[in-house]
Protein backbone atom coordinates (compact mmCIF):
# COMPACT_ATOMS: atom_id res chain seq x y z
CA MET A 1 0.60 0.18 0.10
CA PHE A 2 1.47 2.89 -1.48
CA ILE A 3 1.85 6.34 1.69
CA SER A 4 2.98 9.28 -0.13
CA MET A 5 5.67 11.64 1.49
CA THR A 6 3.81 15.06 0.44
CA GLY A 7 0.94 15.76 2.61
CA PHE A 8 -0.69 18.71 5.21
CA GLY A 9 -2.66 18.57 7.93
CA SER A 10 -4.04 20.72 10.26
CA VAL A 11 -5.78 20.53 13.98
CA SER A 12 -7.68 22.75 15.88
CA HIS A 13 -8.53 22.93 20.07
CA SER A 14 -10.41 25.60 22.10
CA PHE A 15 -9.23 26.59 25.52
CA PRO A 16 -11.36 28.86 28.15
CA TRP A 17 -8.58 31.38 27.82
CA GLY A 18 -8.32 30.99 23.67
CA SER A 19 -7.44 28.55 21.21
CA VAL A 20 -4.44 26.60 19.40
CA LYS A 21 -3.60 25.37 16.03
CA PHE A 22 -1.25 22.58 14.88
CA GLU A 23 0.04 22.72 11.53
CA VAL A 24 2.40 19.51 10.67
CA SER A 25 3.36 19.32 6.55
CA SER A 26 5.57 16.88 4.55
CA VAL A 27 7.90 16.28 1.95
CA ASN A 28 9.75 13.35 0.52
CA HIS A 29 13.51 12.73 2.11
CA LYS A 30 15.27 9.31 2.30
CA TYR A 31 15.35 9.11 6.28
CA GLN A 32 13.40 11.35 8.98
CA ASP A 33 13.91 15.24 8.95
CA PHE A 34 11.88 16.71 11.56
CA SER A 35 11.43 20.34 13.17
CA VAL A 36 8.95 21.99 15.22
CA LYS A 37 8.40 25.77 15.84
CA LEU A 38 6.22 26.34 19.03
CA PRO A 39 5.21 29.52 20.31
CA ARG A 40 7.35 30.30 24.44
CA GLU A 41 4.68 28.91 26.23
CA ILE A 42 4.54 25.77 25.23
CA LEU A 43 8.31 25.63 24.30
CA PRO A 44 9.22 23.02 26.72
CA LEU A 45 6.98 20.29 25.33
CA GLU A 46 9.31 20.62 21.79
CA ASN A 47 11.43 17.65 22.92
CA ARG A 48 7.39 15.36 23.76
CA ILE A 49 6.20 16.25 20.02
CA LEU A 50 9.40 15.34 18.63
CA SER A 51 9.31 11.72 20.03
CA ILE A 52 5.67 11.61 19.15
CA LEU A 53 6.64 12.34 15.19
CA ARG A 54 9.75 9.67 14.99
CA GLU A 55 7.03 7.14 16.72
CA ASN A 56 4.35 7.96 13.96
CA ILE A 57 6.30 8.71 10.37
CA VAL A 58 8.84 6.47 8.66
CA ARG A 59 10.37 9.08 6.49
CA GLY A 60 10.11 12.46 5.41
CA LYS A 61 11.00 16.26 5.81
CA VAL A 62 8.00 16.96 8.43
CA LYS A 63 7.79 20.37 9.67
CA LEU A 64 5.45 21.20 12.66
CA SER A 65 4.17 24.47 13.96
CA ALA A 66 1.80 25.57 16.44
CA GLU A 67 0.06 28.62 16.99
CA ILE A 68 -2.00 30.05 19.78
CA THR A 69 -4.58 32.72 19.68
CA PHE A 70 -5.52 34.42 23.30
CA ASN A 71 -9.22 35.38 23.70
CA PRO A 72 -9.46 39.12 25.61
CA GLY A 73 -8.45 39.44 28.39
CA ALA A 74 -6.58 36.33 28.96
CA LYS A 75 -3.08 37.95 28.41
CA ILE A 76 -2.49 38.98 32.45
CA PRO A 77 1.19 41.10 32.75
CA THR A 78 2.77 40.13 35.41
CA LEU A 79 5.63 42.33 37.23
CA ASP A 80 8.76 40.99 38.85
CA ASN A 81 9.53 42.81 41.68
CA ASP A 82 12.57 42.00 42.89
CA SER A 83 13.89 42.22 39.38
CA LEU A 84 12.27 45.98 39.27
CA ARG A 85 13.92 47.08 42.54
CA VAL A 86 17.53 45.20 41.02
CA PHE A 87 17.28 47.48 38.43
CA ILE A 88 16.85 50.38 40.45
CA ASN A 89 19.00 50.53 43.19
CA GLN A 90 21.86 50.05 40.43
CA LEU A 91 20.85 52.61 39.00
CA ARG A 92 21.13 54.69 42.16
CA THR A 93 24.31 53.54 43.11
CA ILE A 94 25.73 54.38 39.65
CA ALA A 95 24.07 58.02 39.61
CA LYS A 96 25.03 58.99 42.69
CA ARG A 97 29.03 57.52 42.09
CA ASN A 98 29.16 60.06 39.36
CA SER A 99 27.16 63.06 40.52
CA LEU A 100 23.88 62.12 38.43
CA GLU A 101 20.61 62.50 38.35
CA ALA A 102 18.70 59.47 38.88
CA ALA A 103 15.55 58.88 36.93
CA LYS A 104 12.50 59.19 38.54
CA ASP A 105 10.23 57.46 36.26
CA ILE A 106 10.30 53.62 36.29
CA THR A 107 7.99 53.23 33.10
CA SER A 108 11.14 52.66 31.31
CA PHE A 109 12.23 49.74 33.85
CA LEU A 110 8.87 48.07 32.13
CA MET A 111 10.85 47.64 29.09
CA ILE A 112 13.94 45.44 30.45
CA PRO A 113 13.63 41.64 29.80
CA GLY A 114 12.14 39.90 32.86
CA VAL A 115 10.82 42.68 34.46
CA LEU A 116 7.71 42.68 32.85
CA ASP A 117 5.82 39.38 31.52
CA VAL A 118 3.03 40.02 28.83
CA THR A 119 2.71 36.69 27.80
CA ALA A 120 0.11 34.31 29.07
CA ASN A 121 1.06 32.07 31.52
CA VAL A 122 -2.12 30.37 31.21
CA ALA A 123 -1.12 28.39 27.92
CA GLU A 124 2.58 27.90 29.96
CA GLN A 125 0.08 26.31 32.82
CA GLU A 126 -1.97 24.46 30.59
CA ALA A 127 1.29 22.38 28.76
CA ARG A 128 2.46 21.50 32.54
CA ASP A 129 -0.67 20.12 34.05
CA ASN A 130 -2.49 18.81 30.93
CA PRO A 131 0.85 17.75 28.35
CA GLU A 132 -1.68 14.84 27.15
CA ILE A 133 -4.35 17.57 25.47
CA TRP A 134 -0.57 18.60 23.53
CA ASP A 135 -0.43 14.81 22.48
CA LYS A 136 -4.07 14.54 20.91
CA LEU A 137 -3.21 18.09 18.86
CA THR A 138 -0.28 16.58 17.70
CA LEU A 139 -1.87 13.22 16.80
CA GLY A 140 -4.16 14.95 15.35
CA ALA A 141 -2.70 16.73 13.13
CA ILE A 142 -0.40 13.85 11.89
CA ASP A 143 -3.87 11.73 11.36
CA ALA A 144 -5.34 14.47 9.09
CA MET A 145 -1.61 14.55 6.94
CA ASN A 146 -1.97 10.40 7.03
CA GLU A 147 -5.22 11.01 5.38
CA MET A 148 -3.93 13.37 2.36
CA LYS A 149 -1.23 11.03 2.24
CA ARG A 150 -3.19 8.08 1.82
CA ALA A 151 -5.09 9.37 -0.95
CA GLU A 152 -2.32 11.19 -2.88
CA GLY A 153 -0.65 7.47 -2.46
CA GLU A 154 -3.17 5.83 -3.60
CA LYS A 155 -2.92 7.63 -7.23
CA LEU A 156 0.66 7.18 -7.26
CA GLN A 157 0.49 3.10 -7.01
CA GLU A 158 -2.34 3.21 -9.56
CA LYS A 159 0.29 5.06 -11.69
CA VAL A 160 3.11 2.72 -10.85
CA SER A 161 0.72 0.15 -11.12
CA THR A 162 0.72 0.99 -15.19
CA ASP A 163 3.81 1.91 -15.65
CA LEU A 164 4.49 -1.84 -14.07
CA ALA A 165 2.53 -3.59 -16.24
CA GLU A 166 4.05 -1.95 -19.31
CA LEU A 167 7.26 -2.92 -18.42
CA GLU A 168 6.17 -6.90 -17.48
CA GLY A 169 5.07 -6.61 -21.14
CA ILE A 170 8.37 -5.55 -22.48
CA ALA A 171 10.34 -8.16 -20.29
CA ASP A 172 7.83 -10.73 -22.28
CA SER A 173 8.78 -9.10 -25.64
CA LEU A 174 12.36 -8.90 -24.87
CA LYS A 175 12.19 -12.25 -23.81
CA GLU A 176 10.84 -13.68 -27.09
CA ARG A 177 12.65 -11.12 -29.05
CA TRP A 178 15.99 -12.57 -27.35
CA ALA A 179 14.83 -16.48 -28.45
CA VAL A 180 14.95 -14.95 -32.08
CA ALA A 181 18.00 -12.79 -31.89
CA SER A 182 20.09 -15.49 -30.23
CA ALA A 183 19.40 -17.85 -32.76
CA GLU A 184 20.35 -15.22 -35.85
CA ALA A 185 23.24 -14.42 -33.49
CA PHE A 186 24.45 -17.69 -33.01
CA GLU A 187 24.15 -18.65 -36.63
CA GLU A 188 25.88 -15.04 -37.94
CA LEU A 189 28.37 -16.09 -35.34
CA ARG A 190 29.11 -19.83 -36.80
CA THR A 191 29.38 -18.35 -40.27
CA LYS A 192 31.61 -15.76 -39.84
CA ILE A 193 34.47 -18.27 -38.04
CA GLN A 194 33.45 -20.88 -40.88
CA ASN A 195 34.37 -17.72 -43.58
CA VAL A 196 37.62 -17.11 -41.71
CA MET A 197 38.69 -20.69 -40.99
CA GLU A 198 38.28 -20.78 -45.05
CA LYS A 199 39.90 -18.27 -45.96
CA CYS A 200 43.23 -19.33 -44.03
CA GLY A 201 42.97 -22.24 -45.40
CA LEU A 202 41.79 -24.35 -42.58
CA ASP A 203 40.03 -27.71 -41.87
CA VAL A 204 36.53 -26.57 -40.82
CA ASP A 205 36.40 -28.48 -37.64
CA GLU A 206 32.66 -28.09 -36.78
CA ALA A 207 33.15 -29.43 -32.86
CA ARG A 208 35.63 -26.00 -32.89
CA ILE A 209 33.31 -23.97 -34.30
CA ALA A 210 31.02 -24.99 -31.53
CA GLN A 211 33.27 -24.78 -28.93
CA GLU A 212 33.92 -21.03 -30.18
CA ILE A 213 30.49 -20.04 -30.42
CA ALA A 214 29.45 -21.22 -26.90
CA ILE A 215 32.73 -19.26 -25.29
CA LEU A 216 31.83 -15.62 -27.19
CA SER A 217 28.34 -16.89 -27.04
CA ASP A 218 28.76 -16.18 -22.71
CA LYS A 219 29.88 -12.74 -23.13
CA TRP A 220 26.68 -11.43 -25.04
CA ASP A 221 24.04 -14.17 -23.67
CA VAL A 222 21.60 -12.41 -21.62
CA SER A 223 19.18 -15.55 -20.49
CA GLU A 224 19.84 -14.72 -17.18
CA GLU A 225 19.28 -11.32 -16.76
CA VAL A 226 16.02 -11.71 -18.60
CA ALA A 227 15.32 -13.86 -16.32
CA ARG A 228 16.31 -11.96 -13.58
CA LEU A 229 13.93 -9.00 -14.56
CA GLU A 230 10.79 -11.32 -14.49
CA ALA A 231 11.93 -12.30 -10.96
CA HIS A 232 12.37 -8.43 -9.80
CA THR A 233 9.01 -7.21 -11.45
CA GLY A 234 7.11 -9.98 -9.57
CA LYS A 235 8.75 -9.01 -6.50
CA PHE A 236 7.70 -5.30 -7.48
CA ARG A 237 4.07 -6.13 -7.57
CA ARG A 238 4.52 -7.88 -4.45
CA VAL A 239 6.29 -5.58 -2.07
CA MET A 240 3.51 -2.86 -3.21
CA ASP A 241 0.70 -4.28 -0.71
CA GLU A 242 3.15 -3.67 2.10
CA THR A 243 3.04 -1.03 4.31
CA SER A 244 6.41 1.72 4.10
CA CYS A 245 7.69 -0.25 1.24
CA GLY A 246 9.56 2.63 -0.53
CA LYS A 247 12.92 2.20 0.53
CA LYS A 248 12.08 -1.72 -1.36
CA LEU A 249 10.66 -0.60 -3.79
CA ASP A 250 13.88 2.01 -4.59
CA PHE A 251 15.97 -0.85 -4.51
CA LEU A 252 14.40 -2.59 -6.70
CA ILE A 253 14.08 0.16 -9.28
CA GLN A 254 17.72 0.21 -8.98
CA GLU A 255 17.71 -3.41 -9.69
CA MET A 256 15.40 -3.70 -12.30
CA ASN A 257 17.39 -0.65 -14.32
CA ARG A 258 20.84 -2.82 -13.93
CA GLU A 259 19.41 -5.88 -15.62
CA ILE A 260 18.02 -3.86 -18.11
CA ASN A 261 21.72 -1.83 -18.72
CA THR A 262 23.99 -4.97 -18.90
CA MET A 263 21.25 -6.34 -21.50
CA GLY A 264 21.83 -3.25 -23.46
CA SER A 265 24.95 -3.52 -23.75
CA LYS A 266 25.41 -6.78 -24.50
CA VAL A 267 22.87 -7.26 -27.15
CA ASN A 268 23.47 -5.69 -30.72
CA ASP A 269 19.97 -6.21 -32.11
CA THR A 270 18.03 -3.29 -33.09
CA GLU A 271 14.50 -4.53 -32.30
CA PHE A 272 16.27 -6.02 -28.45
CA ARG A 273 17.91 -2.70 -27.81
CA TRP A 274 14.44 -0.57 -28.48
CA LEU A 275 12.79 -2.48 -26.26
CA VAL A 276 15.68 -1.72 -23.92
CA VAL A 277 15.13 1.68 -24.39
CA GLU A 278 11.59 1.48 -23.80
CA ALA A 279 11.87 -0.30 -20.86
CA LYS A 280 14.31 2.24 -19.48
CA ALA A 281 11.76 5.18 -19.66
CA CYS A 282 9.25 2.97 -18.00
CA ILE A 283 11.87 2.17 -15.00
CA GLU A 284 12.15 5.91 -15.00
CA ARG A 285 9.05 6.86 -14.71
CA MET A 286 8.55 4.43 -11.63
CA ARG A 287 11.48 5.34 -10.47
CA GLU A 288 10.76 9.33 -10.10
CA GLN A 289 6.99 8.13 -8.24
CA ILE A 290 8.39 5.56 -5.79
CA GLN A 291 10.63 8.03 -5.05
CA ASN A 292 7.83 10.03 -3.01
CA ILE A 293 6.30 7.10 -1.48
CA GLU A 294 7.29 6.75 2.40
């Protein structure tokens, strides 16, 4: 069963203080490549969310992001009195040492990081107290993305199945053509050897000719390659029904391409070599689709 590595999913959840939206997207990649972008209120959940992604997604370049929208009045500023007191005392000390007048307006101190926190601590508390809610949000976004990936995978499988059927037909044609081409090649080789021996005034020894033909034919016989190609296409069809089969299919594509290239380098028959070209084009189309399979 094909599952595409390309997909997108989102899920939202409402809280008394606001709402949260999780979005996750995926594109093709050889391995697991995950990145998470969270608001600072729930940033401590990053490792937890990454673990969920690793457990539920086999491979792909996956990005997850979250967005928090607070209800009016939910963001309550908090003032760190101790930090403010330290800054004011330090400023007064410096002003006294340098005979300067210390600032009397504390408004400027509120801009110092850590003095006035205007973020909503309610979301932080929710992340600490109820992490399972955020787990469900993550899994919900993944489920939505996987639904899209499965739908895309079905389309890819239909396309690859069509190309595979074409390749199987080409393999049958290669087998049939090789039966004819090999007989023609054997006879042509036999004639060449016989002509050379006659021109050189040598006696024609049928046993010797048969021996030479056997030696030379080993170099361009493609019976084994044709048989292996048939085996690879059969295995490919069976693996297509497995879950997360992308890597296996990619390996089989490489093996099929290797067999076809070997055939093309061995046989000089025009019709046979044209079939090789068609097979390579078919395999390339399959390879492009398999690159996007999980």
